[in-house]
C-alpha atoms as a PDB file:
ATOM      1  CA  MET A   1       0.000   0.000   0.000  1.00  0.00           C
ATOM      2  CA  ARG A   2       1.294   3.456  -0.938  1.00  0.00           C
ATOM      3  CA  ASP A   3       2.578   5.548   1.976  1.00  0.00           C
ATOM      4  CA  PRO A   4       0.489   8.615   2.795  1.00  0.00           C
ATOM      5  CA  ILE A   5       1.721  11.856   1.210  1.00  0.00           C
ATOM      6  CA  ARG A   6       2.182  13.205   4.724  1.00  0.00           C
ATOM      7  CA  THR A   7       4.877  10.706   5.620  1.00  0.00           C
ATOM      8  CA  GLY A   8       6.926  11.754   2.606  1.00  0.00           C
ATOM      9  CA  ILE A   9       6.732  15.385   3.683  1.00  0.00           C
ATOM     10  CA  GLU A  10       7.709  14.439   7.225  1.00  0.00           C
ATOM     11  CA  ARG A  11      10.661  12.469   5.892  1.00  0.00           C
ATOM     12  CA  MET A  12      11.798  15.461   3.844  1.00  0.00           C
ATOM     13  CA  GLU A  13      11.627  17.662   6.952  1.00  0.00           C
ATOM     14  CA  HIS A  14      14.170  15.404   8.666  1.00  0.00           C
ATOM     15  CA  GLU A  15      16.382  15.337   5.557  1.00  0.00           C
ATOM     16  CA  ARG A  16      16.316  19.032   4.650  1.00  0.00           C
ATOM     17  CA  LEU A  17      15.571  21.107   7.720  1.00  0.00           C
ATOM     18  CA  SER A  18      18.023  22.312  10.320  1.00  0.00           C
ATOM     19  CA  GLU A  19      18.635  20.250  13.411  1.00  0.00           C
ATOM     20  CA  PHE A  20      17.027  23.111  15.352  1.00  0.00           C
ATOM     21  CA  ALA A  21      13.772  23.047  13.373  1.00  0.00           C
ATOM     22  CA  ALA A  22      10.549  21.681  14.822  1.00  0.00           C
ATOM     23  CA  LYS A  23       9.570  18.489  13.011  1.00  0.00           C
ATOM     24  CA  ALA A  24       5.871  17.891  12.477  1.00  0.00           C
ATOM     25  CA  ASP A  25       6.031  14.187  13.291  1.00  0.00           C
ATOM     26  CA  GLN A  26       7.621  15.074  16.643  1.00  0.00           C
ATOM     27  CA  SER A  27       4.884  17.483  17.689  1.00  0.00           C
ATOM     28  CA  ARG A  28       3.750  17.294  21.300  1.00  0.00           C
ATOM     29  CA  GLY A  29       0.286  16.724  19.893  1.00  0.00           C
ATOM     30  CA  ARG A  30      -3.171  18.167  20.440  1.00  0.00           C
ATOM     31  CA  GLU A  31      -5.421  18.492  23.485  1.00  0.00           C
ATOM     32  CA  ARG A  32      -7.807  16.053  21.787  1.00  0.00           C
ATOM     33  CA  PRO A  33      -5.927  13.312  19.878  1.00  0.00           C
ATOM     34  CA  GLU A  34      -6.878  12.921  16.218  1.00  0.00           C
ATOM     35  CA  GLU A  35      -6.062  10.597  13.376  1.00  0.00           C
ATOM     36  CA  PRO A  36      -3.316  12.150  11.208  1.00  0.00           C
ATOM     37  CA  CYS A  37      -4.261  13.604   7.853  1.00  0.00           C
ATOM     38  CA  PRO A  38      -3.000  11.429   4.968  1.00  0.00           C
ATOM     39  CA  MET A  39      -1.882  14.495   2.961  1.00  0.00           C
ATOM     40  CA  ARG A  40      -0.850  17.204   5.430  1.00  0.00           C
ATOM     41  CA  THR A  41       1.503  17.370   8.359  1.00  0.00           C
ATOM     42  CA  ALA A  42       0.176  18.506  11.733  1.00  0.00           C
ATOM     43  CA  PHE A  43       1.415  22.068  11.161  1.00  0.00           C
ATOM     44  CA  GLN A  44       0.014  22.259   7.627  1.00  0.00           C
ATOM     45  CA  ARG A  45      -3.311  21.082   8.985  1.00  0.00           C
ATOM     46  CA  ASP A  46      -3.205  23.790  11.657  1.00  0.00           C
ATOM     47  CA  ARG A  47      -2.541  26.465   9.049  1.00  0.00           C
ATOM     48  CA  ASP A  48      -5.513  25.281   6.991  1.00  0.00           C
ATOM     49  CA  ARG A  49      -7.814  25.193  10.025  1.00  0.00           C
ATOM     50  CA  ILE A  50      -6.954  28.784  10.873  1.00  0.00           C
ATOM     51  CA  ILE A  51      -7.750  29.978   7.356  1.00  0.00           C
ATOM     52  CA  HIS A  52     -10.777  27.819   6.590  1.00  0.00           C
ATOM     53  CA  GLN A  53     -12.439  27.190   9.970  1.00  0.00           C
ATOM     54  CA  CYS A  54     -11.754  30.330  12.010  1.00  0.00           C
ATOM     55  CA  LYS A  55     -14.381  33.018  11.564  1.00  0.00           C
ATOM     56  CA  SER A  56     -12.155  35.205  13.713  1.00  0.00           C
ATOM     57  CA  PHE A  57      -9.543  35.101  10.932  1.00  0.00           C
ATOM     58  CA  ARG A  58     -11.996  36.535   8.421  1.00  0.00           C
ATOM     59  CA  ARG A  59     -13.095  39.217  10.866  1.00  0.00           C
ATOM     60  CA  LEU A  60      -9.533  40.574  11.008  1.00  0.00           C
ATOM     61  CA  ALA A  61     -10.314  42.332   7.725  1.00  0.00           C
ATOM     62  CA  GLY A  62     -12.692  44.601   9.637  1.00  0.00           C
ATOM     63  CA  LYS A  63     -10.406  45.422  12.555  1.00  0.00           C
ATOM     64  CA  THR A  64      -8.119  48.417  12.944  1.00  0.00           C
ATOM     65  CA  GLN A  65      -4.353  48.003  12.954  1.00  0.00           C
ATOM     66  CA  VAL A  66      -3.471  51.595  13.973  1.00  0.00           C
ATOM     67  CA  PHE A  67      -5.573  53.836  11.731  1.00  0.00           C
ATOM     68  CA  LEU A  68      -9.263  53.219  11.151  1.00  0.00           C
ATOM     69  CA  PRO A  69      -9.647  51.597   7.712  1.00  0.00           C
ATOM     70  CA  ALA A  70     -12.541  53.959   6.979  1.00  0.00           C
ATOM     71  CA  THR A  71     -10.083  56.857   6.919  1.00  0.00           C
ATOM     72  CA  GLY A  72      -8.168  55.473   3.920  1.00  0.00           C
ATOM     73  CA  ASP A  73      -8.532  52.597   1.469  1.00  0.00           C
ATOM     74  CA  HIS A  74      -4.850  51.654   1.557  1.00  0.00           C
ATOM     75  CA  LEU A  75      -4.235  51.687   5.300  1.00  0.00           C
ATOM     76  CA  ARG A  76      -3.456  48.372   6.955  1.00  0.00           C
ATOM     77  CA  THR A  77      -6.092  46.344   8.733  1.00  0.00           C
ATOM     78  CA  ARG A  78      -5.415  43.654  11.296  1.00  0.00           C
ATOM     79  CA  LEU A  79      -5.698  41.095   8.460  1.00  0.00           C
ATOM     80  CA  THR A  80      -3.151  42.760   6.182  1.00  0.00           C
ATOM     81  CA  HIS A  81      -0.816  43.069   9.174  1.00  0.00           C
ATOM     82  CA  THR A  82      -1.237  39.336   9.781  1.00  0.00           C
ATOM     83  CA  LEU A  83      -0.431  38.533   6.166  1.00  0.00           C
ATOM     84  CA  GLU A  84       2.690  40.708   6.266  1.00  0.00           C
ATOM     85  CA  VAL A  85       3.870  39.008   9.461  1.00  0.00           C
ATOM     86  CA  SER A  86       3.238  35.630   7.847  1.00  0.00           C
ATOM     87  CA  GLN A  87       5.240  36.524   4.742  1.00  0.00           C
ATOM     88  CA  ILE A  88       8.199  37.812   6.769  1.00  0.00           C
ATOM     89  CA  ALA A  89       8.105  34.794   9.080  1.00  0.00           C
ATOM     90  CA  ARG A  90       8.051  32.404   6.125  1.00  0.00           C
ATOM     91  CA  THR A  91      11.018  34.147   4.498  1.00  0.00           C
ATOM     92  CA  ILE A  92      13.105  33.966   7.673  1.00  0.00           C
ATOM     93  CA  ALA A  93      12.095  30.351   8.318  1.00  0.00           C
ATOM     94  CA  ARG A  94      13.010  29.361   4.786  1.00  0.00           C
ATOM     95  CA  GLY A  95      16.332  31.171   5.019  1.00  0.00           C
ATOM     96  CA  LEU A  96      17.195  29.378   8.265  1.00  0.00           C
ATOM     97  CA  ARG A  97      15.893  25.990   7.058  1.00  0.00           C
ATOM     98  CA  VAL A  98      13.404  25.637   9.889  1.00  0.00           C
ATOM     99  CA  ASN A  99       9.733  24.694   9.690  1.00  0.00           C
ATOM    100  CA  GLU A 100       8.028  27.195   7.429  1.00  0.00           C
ATOM    101  CA  ASP A 101       4.607  25.593   7.949  1.00  0.00           C
ATOM    102  CA  LEU A 102       4.805  26.030  11.717  1.00  0.00           C
ATOM    103  CA  ALA A 103       5.968  29.648  11.439  1.00  0.00           C
ATOM    104  CA  GLU A 104       3.150  30.395   9.002  1.00  0.00           C
ATOM    105  CA  ALA A 105       0.478  28.822  11.217  1.00  0.00           C
ATOM    106  CA  ILE A 106       1.608  30.786  14.288  1.00  0.00           C
ATOM    107  CA  ALA A 107       1.739  34.023  12.315  1.00  0.00           C
ATOM    108  CA  LEU A 108      -1.743  33.573  10.848  1.00  0.00           C
ATOM    109  CA  ALA A 109      -3.261  32.970  14.287  1.00  0.00           C
ATOM    110  CA  HIS A 110      -1.231  35.347  16.439  1.00  0.00           C
ATOM    111  CA  ASP A 111      -3.765  38.207  16.458  1.00  0.00           C
ATOM    112  CA  LEU A 112      -7.093  36.342  16.308  1.00  0.00           C
ATOM    113  CA  GLY A 113      -8.012  37.661  19.761  1.00  0.00           C
ATOM    114  CA  HIS A 114      -7.471  41.325  18.966  1.00  0.00           C
ATOM    115  CA  THR A 115     -10.251  43.782  19.745  1.00  0.00           C
ATOM    116  CA  PRO A 116     -11.826  46.341  17.436  1.00  0.00           C
ATOM    117  CA  PHE A 117      -9.945  49.667  17.218  1.00  0.00           C
ATOM    118  CA  GLY A 118      -6.485  48.145  17.665  1.00  0.00           C
ATOM    119  CA  HIS A 119      -4.423  48.386  20.826  1.00  0.00           C
ATOM    120  CA  ILE A 120      -6.520  51.320  22.022  1.00  0.00           C
ATOM    121  CA  GLY A 121      -9.539  49.010  22.003  1.00  0.00           C
ATOM    122  CA  GLU A 122      -7.486  46.398  23.856  1.00  0.00           C
ATOM    123  CA  ARG A 123      -6.637  48.886  26.597  1.00  0.00           C
ATOM    124  CA  GLY A 124     -10.292  49.894  26.819  1.00  0.00           C
ATOM    125  CA  LEU A 125     -11.463  46.302  27.167  1.00  0.00           C
ATOM    126  CA  ASP A 126      -8.820  45.571  29.801  1.00  0.00           C
ATOM    127  CA  SER A 127      -9.922  48.637  31.785  1.00  0.00           C
ATOM    128  CA  ALA A 128     -13.612  47.758  31.552  1.00  0.00           C
ATOM    129  CA  LEU A 129     -13.017  44.145  32.574  1.00  0.00           C
ATOM    130  CA  ARG A 130     -11.105  45.246  35.680  1.00  0.00           C
ATOM    131  CA  GLU A 131     -14.084  47.342  36.806  1.00  0.00           C
ATOM    132  CA  TYR A 132     -15.969  44.085  37.380  1.00  0.00           C
ATOM    133  CA  VAL A 133     -13.127  41.627  37.951  1.00  0.00           C
ATOM    134  CA  PRO A 134     -10.353  43.596  39.719  1.00  0.00           C
ATOM    135  CA  ASP A 135      -7.780  40.814  39.440  1.00  0.00           C
ATOM    136  CA  GLY A 136      -8.700  40.058  35.832  1.00  0.00           C
ATOM    137  CA  ARG A 137      -6.984  41.304  32.694  1.00  0.00           C
ATOM    138  CA  PHE A 138      -7.405  41.275  28.953  1.00  0.00           C
ATOM    139  CA  ARG A 139      -4.403  40.579  26.726  1.00  0.00           C
ATOM    140  CA  HIS A 140      -4.889  39.951  23.032  1.00  0.00           C
ATOM    141  CA  TYR A 141      -2.352  37.109  22.897  1.00  0.00           C
ATOM    142  CA  GLU A 142      -4.141  35.246  25.694  1.00  0.00           C
ATOM    143  CA  GLN A 143      -7.445  35.887  23.939  1.00  0.00           C
ATOM    144  CA  SER A 144      -5.999  34.592  20.662  1.00  0.00           C
ATOM    145  CA  LEU A 145      -5.271  31.280  22.365  1.00  0.00           C
ATOM    146  CA  ARG A 146      -8.730  31.256  23.938  1.00  0.00           C
ATOM    147  CA  VAL A 147     -10.256  31.821  20.497  1.00  0.00           C
ATOM    148  CA  VAL A 148      -8.635  28.755  18.943  1.00  0.00           C
ATOM    149  CA  ASP A 149      -9.029  26.616  22.077  1.00  0.00           C
ATOM    150  CA  ARG A 150     -12.516  27.478  23.266  1.00  0.00           C
ATOM    151  CA  LEU A 151     -14.489  29.921  21.119  1.00  0.00           C
ATOM    152  CA  GLU A 152     -14.270  28.838  17.488  1.00  0.00           C
ATOM    153  CA  ARG A 153     -16.685  26.259  16.072  1.00  0.00           C
ATOM    154  CA  ASP A 154     -19.418  27.104  18.579  1.00  0.00           C
ATOM    155  CA  GLY A 155     -17.242  26.441  21.598  1.00  0.00           C
ATOM    156  CA  GLN A 156     -15.409  23.360  20.342  1.00  0.00           C
ATOM    157  CA  GLY A 157     -12.228  25.160  19.305  1.00  0.00           C
ATOM    158  CA  VAL A 158     -10.064  24.036  16.399  1.00  0.00           C
ATOM    159  CA  ASN A 159      -7.725  21.789  18.404  1.00  0.00           C
ATOM    160  CA  LEU A 160      -4.370  23.083  17.183  1.00  0.00           C
ATOM    161  CA  SER A 161      -1.036  21.460  17.918  1.00  0.00           C
ATOM    162  CA  TRP A 162       0.916  22.350  21.056  1.00  0.00           C
ATOM    163  CA  GLU A 163       3.650  24.143  19.118  1.00  0.00           C
ATOM    164  CA  VAL A 164       1.236  26.510  17.364  1.00  0.00           C
ATOM    165  CA  ARG A 165      -0.602  27.239  20.595  1.00  0.00           C
ATOM    166  CA  ASP A 166       2.693  27.991  22.376  1.00  0.00           C
ATOM    167  CA  GLY A 167       3.685  30.374  19.598  1.00  0.00           C
ATOM    168  CA  ILE A 168       0.354  32.206  19.738  1.00  0.00           C
ATOM    169  CA  LEU A 169       0.591  32.707  23.485  1.00  0.00           C
ATOM    170  CA  HIS A 170       4.184  33.947  23.446  1.00  0.00           C
ATOM    171  CA  HIS A 171       4.326  36.029  20.284  1.00  0.00           C
ATOM    172  CA  SER A 172       3.995  39.476  21.873  1.00  0.00           C
ATOM    173  CA  LYS A 173       6.870  41.614  23.101  1.00  0.00           C
ATOM    174  CA  GLY A 174       4.794  44.683  23.940  1.00  0.00           C
ATOM    175  CA  THR A 175       6.825  47.905  24.031  1.00  0.00           C
ATOM    176  CA  THR A 176      10.083  46.386  25.248  1.00  0.00           C
ATOM    177  CA  ASP A 177      13.241  46.734  23.193  1.00  0.00           C
ATOM    178  CA  THR A 178      14.507  43.778  21.217  1.00  0.00           C
ATOM    179  CA  PRO A 179      17.897  42.520  22.377  1.00  0.00           C
ATOM    180  CA  HIS A 180      20.091  41.553  19.447  1.00  0.00           C
ATOM    181  CA  ARG A 181      19.692  37.932  20.571  1.00  0.00           C
ATOM    182  CA  LEU A 182      16.479  36.130  21.482  1.00  0.00           C
ATOM    183  CA  ASP A 183      17.403  32.906  23.245  1.00  0.00           C
ATOM    184  CA  GLY A 184      15.182  32.884  26.325  1.00  0.00           C
ATOM    185  CA  PRO A 185      13.066  29.962  27.493  1.00  0.00           C
ATOM    186  CA  GLU A 186       9.908  31.293  25.833  1.00  0.00           C
ATOM    187  CA  PRO A 187       8.604  30.695  23.274  1.00  0.00           C
ATOM    188  CA  ALA A 188       9.564  27.073  22.940  1.00  0.00           C
ATOM    189  CA  THR A 189      10.414  26.785  19.232  1.00  0.00           C
ATOM    190  CA  VAL A 190      12.712  28.678  16.893  1.00  0.00           C
ATOM    191  CA  GLU A 191       9.712  29.124  14.602  1.00  0.00           C
ATOM    192  CA  ALA A 192       7.741  30.923  17.304  1.00  0.00           C
ATOM    193  CA  LYS A 193      10.720  33.172  18.006  1.00  0.00           C
ATOM    194  CA  ILE A 194      10.789  33.989  14.304  1.00  0.00           C
ATOM    195  CA  VAL A 195       7.176  35.162  14.516  1.00  0.00           C
ATOM    196  CA  ARG A 196       8.086  37.475  17.418  1.00  0.00           C
ATOM    197  CA  TRP A 197      10.777  39.088  15.253  1.00  0.00           C
ATOM    198  CA  ALA A 198       8.488  39.134  12.200  1.00  0.00           C
ATOM    199  CA  ASP A 199       5.706  40.864  14.152  1.00  0.00           C
ATOM    200  CA  ARG A 200       8.050  43.688  15.206  1.00  0.00           C
ATOM    201  CA  ILE A 201       9.635  43.957  11.732  1.00  0.00           C
ATOM    202  CA  ALA A 202       6.226  44.136  10.080  1.00  0.00           C
ATOM    203  CA  TYR A 203       4.565  46.698  12.297  1.00  0.00           C
ATOM    204  CA  VAL A 204       7.379  49.241  12.604  1.00  0.00           C
ATOM    205  CA  ASN A 205       7.593  49.338   8.824  1.00  0.00           C
ATOM    206  CA  HIS A 206       3.962  49.299   7.803  1.00  0.00           C
ATOM    207  CA  ASP A 207       2.938  51.683  10.596  1.00  0.00           C
ATOM    208  CA  LEU A 208       5.576  54.151   9.406  1.00  0.00           C
ATOM    209  CA  ASP A 209       4.227  53.747   5.883  1.00  0.00           C
ATOM    210  CA  ASP A 210       0.631  54.292   7.067  1.00  0.00           C
ATOM    211  CA  ALA A 211       1.581  57.299   9.211  1.00  0.00           C
ATOM    212  CA  ARG A 212       3.189  58.913   6.173  1.00  0.00           C
ATOM    213  CA  ARG A 213       0.144  58.073   4.060  1.00  0.00           C
ATOM    214  CA  ALA A 214      -2.099  59.632   6.725  1.00  0.00           C
ATOM    215  CA  GLY A 215      -0.021  62.826   6.679  1.00  0.00           C
ATOM    216  CA  LEU A 216       1.179  62.526  10.281  1.00  0.00           C
ATOM    217  CA  LEU A 217       4.859  62.589   9.433  1.00  0.00           C
ATOM    218  CA  ALA A 218       7.372  62.590   6.599  1.00  0.00           C
ATOM    219  CA  LEU A 219      10.415  60.431   6.053  1.00  0.00           C
ATOM    220  CA  SER A 220      12.524  63.466   6.900  1.00  0.00           C
ATOM    221  CA  ASP A 221      11.059  63.341  10.436  1.00  0.00           C
ATOM    222  CA  VAL A 222      12.625  59.931  11.084  1.00  0.00           C
ATOM    223  CA  PRO A 223      16.012  60.292  12.825  1.00  0.00           C
ATOM    224  CA  ALA A 224      18.762  60.222  10.206  1.00  0.00           C
ATOM    225  CA  GLY A 225      20.705  57.491  12.010  1.00  0.00           C
ATOM    226  CA  ILE A 226      17.767  55.100  11.721  1.00  0.00           C
ATOM    227  CA  VAL A 227      17.346  55.771   7.997  1.00  0.00           C
ATOM    228  CA  GLU A 228      21.080  55.367   7.447  1.00  0.00           C
ATOM    229  CA  VAL A 229      21.085  51.891   9.012  1.00  0.00           C
ATOM    230  CA  LEU A 230      17.723  50.525   7.864  1.00  0.00           C
ATOM    231  CA  GLY A 231      17.195  52.269   4.529  1.00  0.00           C
ATOM    232  CA  ALA A 232      14.987  54.972   3.068  1.00  0.00           C
ATOM    233  CA  THR A 233      12.218  52.825   1.571  1.00  0.00           C
ATOM    234  CA  HIS A 234       9.803  50.247   2.930  1.00  0.00           C
ATOM    235  CA  GLY A 235      11.438  47.523   0.869  1.00  0.00           C
ATOM    236  CA  ASP A 236      14.959  48.511   1.908  1.00  0.00           C
ATOM    237  CA  ARG A 237      14.040  48.374   5.589  1.00  0.00           C
ATOM    238  CA  ILE A 238      12.381  44.962   5.326  1.00  0.00           C
ATOM    239  CA  THR A 239      15.372  43.624   3.394  1.00  0.00           C
ATOM    240  CA  THR A 240      17.827  44.970   5.974  1.00  0.00           C
ATOM    241  CA  LEU A 241      15.957  43.580   8.974  1.00  0.00           C
ATOM    242  CA  VAL A 242      15.084  40.178   7.527  1.00  0.00           C
ATOM    243  CA  GLY A 243      18.553  39.765   6.045  1.00  0.00           C
ATOM    244  CA  SER A 244      20.187  40.601   9.368  1.00  0.00           C
ATOM    245  CA  VAL A 245      18.191  37.928  11.221  1.00  0.00           C
ATOM    246  CA  ILE A 246      19.005  35.264   8.627  1.00  0.00           C
ATOM    247  CA  GLU A 247      22.687  36.145   8.333  1.00  0.00           C
ATOM    248  CA  ARG A 248      23.294  36.266  12.077  1.00  0.00           C
ATOM    249  CA  SER A 249      21.154  33.247  13.032  1.00  0.00           C
ATOM    250  CA  GLU A 250      22.143  30.631  10.463  1.00  0.00           C
ATOM    251  CA  GLY A 251      23.313  27.453  12.153  1.00  0.00           C
ATOM    252  CA  LEU A 252      22.339  28.647  15.634  1.00  0.00           C
ATOM    253  CA  PRO A 253      19.646  27.329  18.024  1.00  0.00           C
ATOM    254  CA  TYR A 254      18.463  30.883  18.679  1.00  0.00           C
ATOM    255  CA  LEU A 255      17.887  34.086  16.729  1.00  0.00           C
ATOM    256  CA  GLU A 256      20.271  36.993  16.438  1.00  0.00           C
ATOM    257  CA  MET A 257      20.263  40.324  14.694  1.00  0.00           C
ATOM    258  CA  ASP A 258      23.204  42.620  14.142  1.00  0.00           C
ATOM    259  CA  PRO A 259      23.275  44.848  17.271  1.00  0.00           C
ATOM    260  CA  ALA A 260      23.346  48.059  15.231  1.00  0.00           C
ATOM    261  CA  VAL A 261      20.366  46.934  13.172  1.00  0.00           C
ATOM    262  CA  ALA A 262      18.422  45.858  16.278  1.00  0.00           C
ATOM    263  CA  GLN A 263      19.160  49.224  17.889  1.00  0.00           C
ATOM    264  CA  ALA A 264      17.910  51.052  14.799  1.00  0.00           C
ATOM    265  CA  MET A 265      14.719  48.953  14.718  1.00  0.00           C
ATOM    266  CA  ASP A 266      14.027  49.752  18.364  1.00  0.00           C
ATOM    267  CA  GLY A 267      14.762  53.396  17.670  1.00  0.00           C
ATOM    268  CA  LEU A 268      12.133  53.344  14.944  1.00  0.00           C
ATOM    269  CA  LYS A 269       9.694  51.657  17.342  1.00  0.00           C
ATOM    270  CA  ASP A 270      10.319  54.324  19.988  1.00  0.00           C
ATOM    271  CA  PHE A 271       9.901  57.072  17.388  1.00  0.00           C
ATOM    272  CA  LEU A 272       6.523  55.640  16.359  1.00  0.00           C
ATOM    273  CA  PHE A 273       5.354  55.381  19.971  1.00  0.00           C
ATOM    274  CA  GLU A 274       6.212  59.038  20.497  1.00  0.00           C
ATOM    275  CA  ARG A 275       4.839  60.408  17.243  1.00  0.00           C
ATOM    276  CA  VAL A 276       2.050  57.996  16.274  1.00  0.00           C
ATOM    277  CA  TYR A 277       0.877  55.507  18.896  1.00  0.00           C
ATOM    278  CA  ALA A 278       0.761  57.665  22.042  1.00  0.00           C
ATOM    279  CA  PRO A 279      -1.081  60.572  20.362  1.00  0.00           C
ATOM    280  CA  ARG A 280      -3.787  58.134  19.188  1.00  0.00           C
ATOM    281  CA  GLY A 281      -4.896  57.831  22.820  1.00  0.00           C
ATOM    282  CA  SER A 282      -5.236  61.532  23.531  1.00  0.00           C
ATOM    283  CA  GLY A 283      -9.018  61.378  23.455  1.00  0.00           C
ATOM    284  CA  HIS A 284      -9.810  63.272  20.268  1.00  0.00           C
ATOM    285  CA  GLU A 285      -9.048  60.846  17.433  1.00  0.00           C
ATOM    286  CA  PRO A 286     -11.641  58.406  16.094  1.00  0.00           C
ATOM    287  CA  GLU A 287      -9.625  55.510  17.536  1.00  0.00           C
ATOM    288  CA  ALA A 288      -9.823  57.019  21.031  1.00  0.00           C
ATOM    289  CA  ARG A 289     -13.564  57.399  20.644  1.00  0.00           C
ATOM    290  CA  GLY A 290     -13.586  53.726  19.714  1.00  0.00           C
ATOM    291  CA  GLN A 291     -11.940  52.977  23.053  1.00  0.00           C
ATOM    292  CA  ARG A 292     -14.732  54.780  24.865  1.00  0.00           C
ATOM    293  CA  MET A 293     -17.286  52.794  22.885  1.00  0.00           C
ATOM    294  CA  VAL A 294     -15.696  49.532  23.994  1.00  0.00           C
ATOM    295  CA  ILE A 295     -15.878  50.606  27.635  1.00  0.00           C
ATOM    296  CA  GLU A 296     -19.453  51.852  27.425  1.00  0.00           C
ATOM    297  CA  LEU A 297     -20.676  48.735  25.620  1.00  0.00           C
ATOM    298  CA  PHE A 298     -19.029  46.545  28.243  1.00  0.00           C
ATOM    299  CA  ARG A 299     -20.725  48.459  31.056  1.00  0.00           C
ATOM    300  CA  LEU A 300     -24.081  48.348  29.268  1.00  0.00           C
ATOM    301  CA  PHE A 301     -24.047  44.571  28.818  1.00  0.00           C
ATOM    302  CA  MET A 302     -22.885  44.019  32.388  1.00  0.00           C
ATOM    303  CA  GLU A 303     -25.449  46.349  33.975  1.00  0.00           C
ATOM    304  CA  GLU A 304     -28.328  45.309  31.699  1.00  0.00           C
ATOM    305  CA  PRO A 305     -27.810  41.630  30.818  1.00  0.00           C
ATOM    306  CA  VAL A 306     -31.113  41.551  28.947  1.00  0.00           C
ATOM    307  CA  ARG A 307     -29.379  43.579  26.227  1.00  0.00           C
ATOM    308  CA  ALA A 308     -26.515  41.093  25.879  1.00  0.00           C
ATOM    309  CA  PRO A 309     -27.269  39.055  22.720  1.00  0.00           C
ATOM    310  CA  TYR A 310     -24.734  36.373  23.668  1.00  0.00           C
ATOM    311  CA  LEU A 311     -26.563  35.463  26.893  1.00  0.00           C
ATOM    312  CA  ARG A 312     -29.558  33.175  26.874  1.00  0.00           C
ATOM    313  CA  PRO A 313     -32.284  34.077  29.398  1.00  0.00           C
ATOM    314  CA  HIS A 314     -31.134  31.418  31.882  1.00  0.00           C
ATOM    315  CA  GLU A 315     -27.525  32.700  31.633  1.00  0.00           C
ATOM    316  CA  ARG A 316     -28.285  36.245  32.774  1.00  0.00           C
ATOM    317  CA  ASP A 317     -27.926  35.145  36.386  1.00  0.00           C
ATOM    318  CA  LEU A 318     -24.374  33.893  35.954  1.00  0.00           C
ATOM    319  CA  SER A 319     -21.767  35.229  38.375  1.00  0.00           C
ATOM    320  CA  VAL A 320     -20.238  38.626  37.656  1.00  0.00           C
ATOM    321  CA  GLU A 321     -16.948  36.987  36.747  1.00  0.00           C
ATOM    322  CA  GLU A 322     -18.571  34.598  34.278  1.00  0.00           C
ATOM    323  CA  ARG A 323     -20.622  37.330  32.635  1.00  0.00           C
ATOM    324  CA  ALA A 324     -17.577  39.597  32.418  1.00  0.00           C
ATOM    325  CA  LEU A 325     -15.612  36.881  30.642  1.00  0.00           C
ATOM    326  CA  ARG A 326     -18.454  36.269  28.195  1.00  0.00           C
ATOM    327  CA  THR A 327     -18.766  40.002  27.617  1.00  0.00           C
ATOM    328  CA  ALA A 328     -15.053  40.320  26.915  1.00  0.00           C
ATOM    329  CA  ASP A 329     -15.285  37.437  24.435  1.00  0.00           C
ATOM    330  CA  PHE A 330     -18.184  39.091  22.642  1.00  0.00           C
ATOM    331  CA  ILE A 331     -16.677  42.575  22.398  1.00  0.00           C
ATOM    332  CA  ALA A 332     -13.206  41.322  21.491  1.00  0.00           C
ATOM    333  CA  GLY A 333     -14.731  39.454  18.564  1.00  0.00           C
ATOM    334  CA  MET A 334     -16.394  42.544  17.109  1.00  0.00           C
ATOM    335  CA  THR A 335     -15.189  44.239  13.966  1.00  0.00           C
ATOM    336  CA  ASP A 336     -14.933  48.021  14.045  1.00  0.00           C
ATOM    337  CA  ARG A 337     -18.124  48.399  12.036  1.00  0.00           C
ATOM    338  CA  TYR A 338     -20.117  45.960  14.139  1.00  0.00           C
ATOM    339  CA  ALA A 339     -18.980  47.733  17.312  1.00  0.00           C
ATOM    340  CA  CYS A 340     -20.077  51.070  15.826  1.00  0.00           C
ATOM    341  CA  ASP A 341     -23.434  49.691  14.739  1.00  0.00           C
ATOM    342  CA  THR A 342     -24.033  48.126  18.149  1.00  0.00           C
ATOM    343  CA  TYR A 343     -23.137  51.362  19.900  1.00  0.00           C
ATOM    344  CA  VAL A 344     -25.460  53.374  17.668  1.00  0.00           C
ATOM    345  CA  ARG A 345     -28.314  50.952  18.255  1.00  0.00           C
ATOM    346  CA  HIS A 346     -28.020  51.245  22.031  1.00  0.00           C
ATOM    347  CA  PHE A 347     -26.834  54.784  22.620  1.00  0.00           C
ATOM    348  CA  ILE A 348     -27.546  57.112  19.708  1.00  0.00           C
ATOM    349  CA  PRO A 349     -31.105  57.742  18.505  1.00  0.00           C
ATOM    350  CA  ALA A 350     -29.944  59.112  15.152  1.00  0.00           C
ATOM    351  CA  PRO A 351     -29.585  57.814  11.602  1.00  0.00           C
ATOM    352  CA  ARG A 352     -26.601  55.547  11.244  1.00  0.00           C
ATOM    353  CA  GLY A 353     -24.824  57.884   8.840  1.00  0.00           C
ATOM    354  CA  GLU A 354     -24.741  60.609  11.448  1.00  0.00           C
ATOM    355  CA  PHE A 355     -22.682  58.651  13.966  1.00  0.00           C
ATOM    356  CA  PRO A 356     -19.589  60.829  14.487  1.00  0.00           C
ATOM    357  CA  LEU A 357     -16.903  58.138  14.793  1.00  0.00           C
ATOM    358  CA  PHE A 358     -15.435  58.714  11.344  1.00  0.00           C
ATOM    359  CA  ASP A 359     -15.862  62.493  10.964  1.00  0.00           C
END
């Protein structure tokens, strides 16, 4: 009998990939054991489940990255950010001869738990949740894991492999600088560490591009030392950063970047936080109004459970903690437009076109 296609792919992974690469046939497995697919490895199957089975993946098209999509047709959404991270992660993984399928799956799923209105919406949801559960918190990377484990497929989850789930949970670096070497205990695989680098590489470049497109700054505003090291164009910067990771990390069990290049990337990140990200929370931009909407919707559903469409009548008497968790799940899953429409329906007795979020 002919061997399954999958076993041939798994054999090639052992023959062609680096000794430091994760091998699909050595995965730690899934929470619920399954029969292997005859055609796809475990990581290829995970990638396909994220794309084909996760409604949260499709909703990323309607979620803000930094600038509301309604303010410009060419500005990034959370979905285009995800695709850019995936492309960068695949390029680095291929260059280092590690598992491209695993890196791609982690990258595609890393932001599934993000709220509407970007990180401003995330901060709003975290604040609102703490009003009712003081020791609680909302973090998009934890929510991304909850989405694939517990929320997709009507509560069944999509049962991803351990390695993809680990990469989702540990992809975020927040605002901290990137040391030129990432060799800490978390995340567990080289492929997941690649996604952490790819996430930072993607957002500092496309957010600079979007900020210029939105008229917030010009290339001449970027410190000259950063431009000198990274390059003057979007493509030059991506090439410099990706090339530095591959060149410095080849044959190593961890990732490195040239220290000068890492310093320039962090300088660009700090510049964007000062000139772009921090001002978005000043209270006057549409995104900041989106944050207030998230908070007010959360309070509404908590104080008046009858208005919460995700609660059945017998569930309205759940504990405060349980209702707060369900409310966070519901609001985090909203697209920008759905959040706006819901807010209008409950708070603004005016025609939909008059809602002032996008003026």
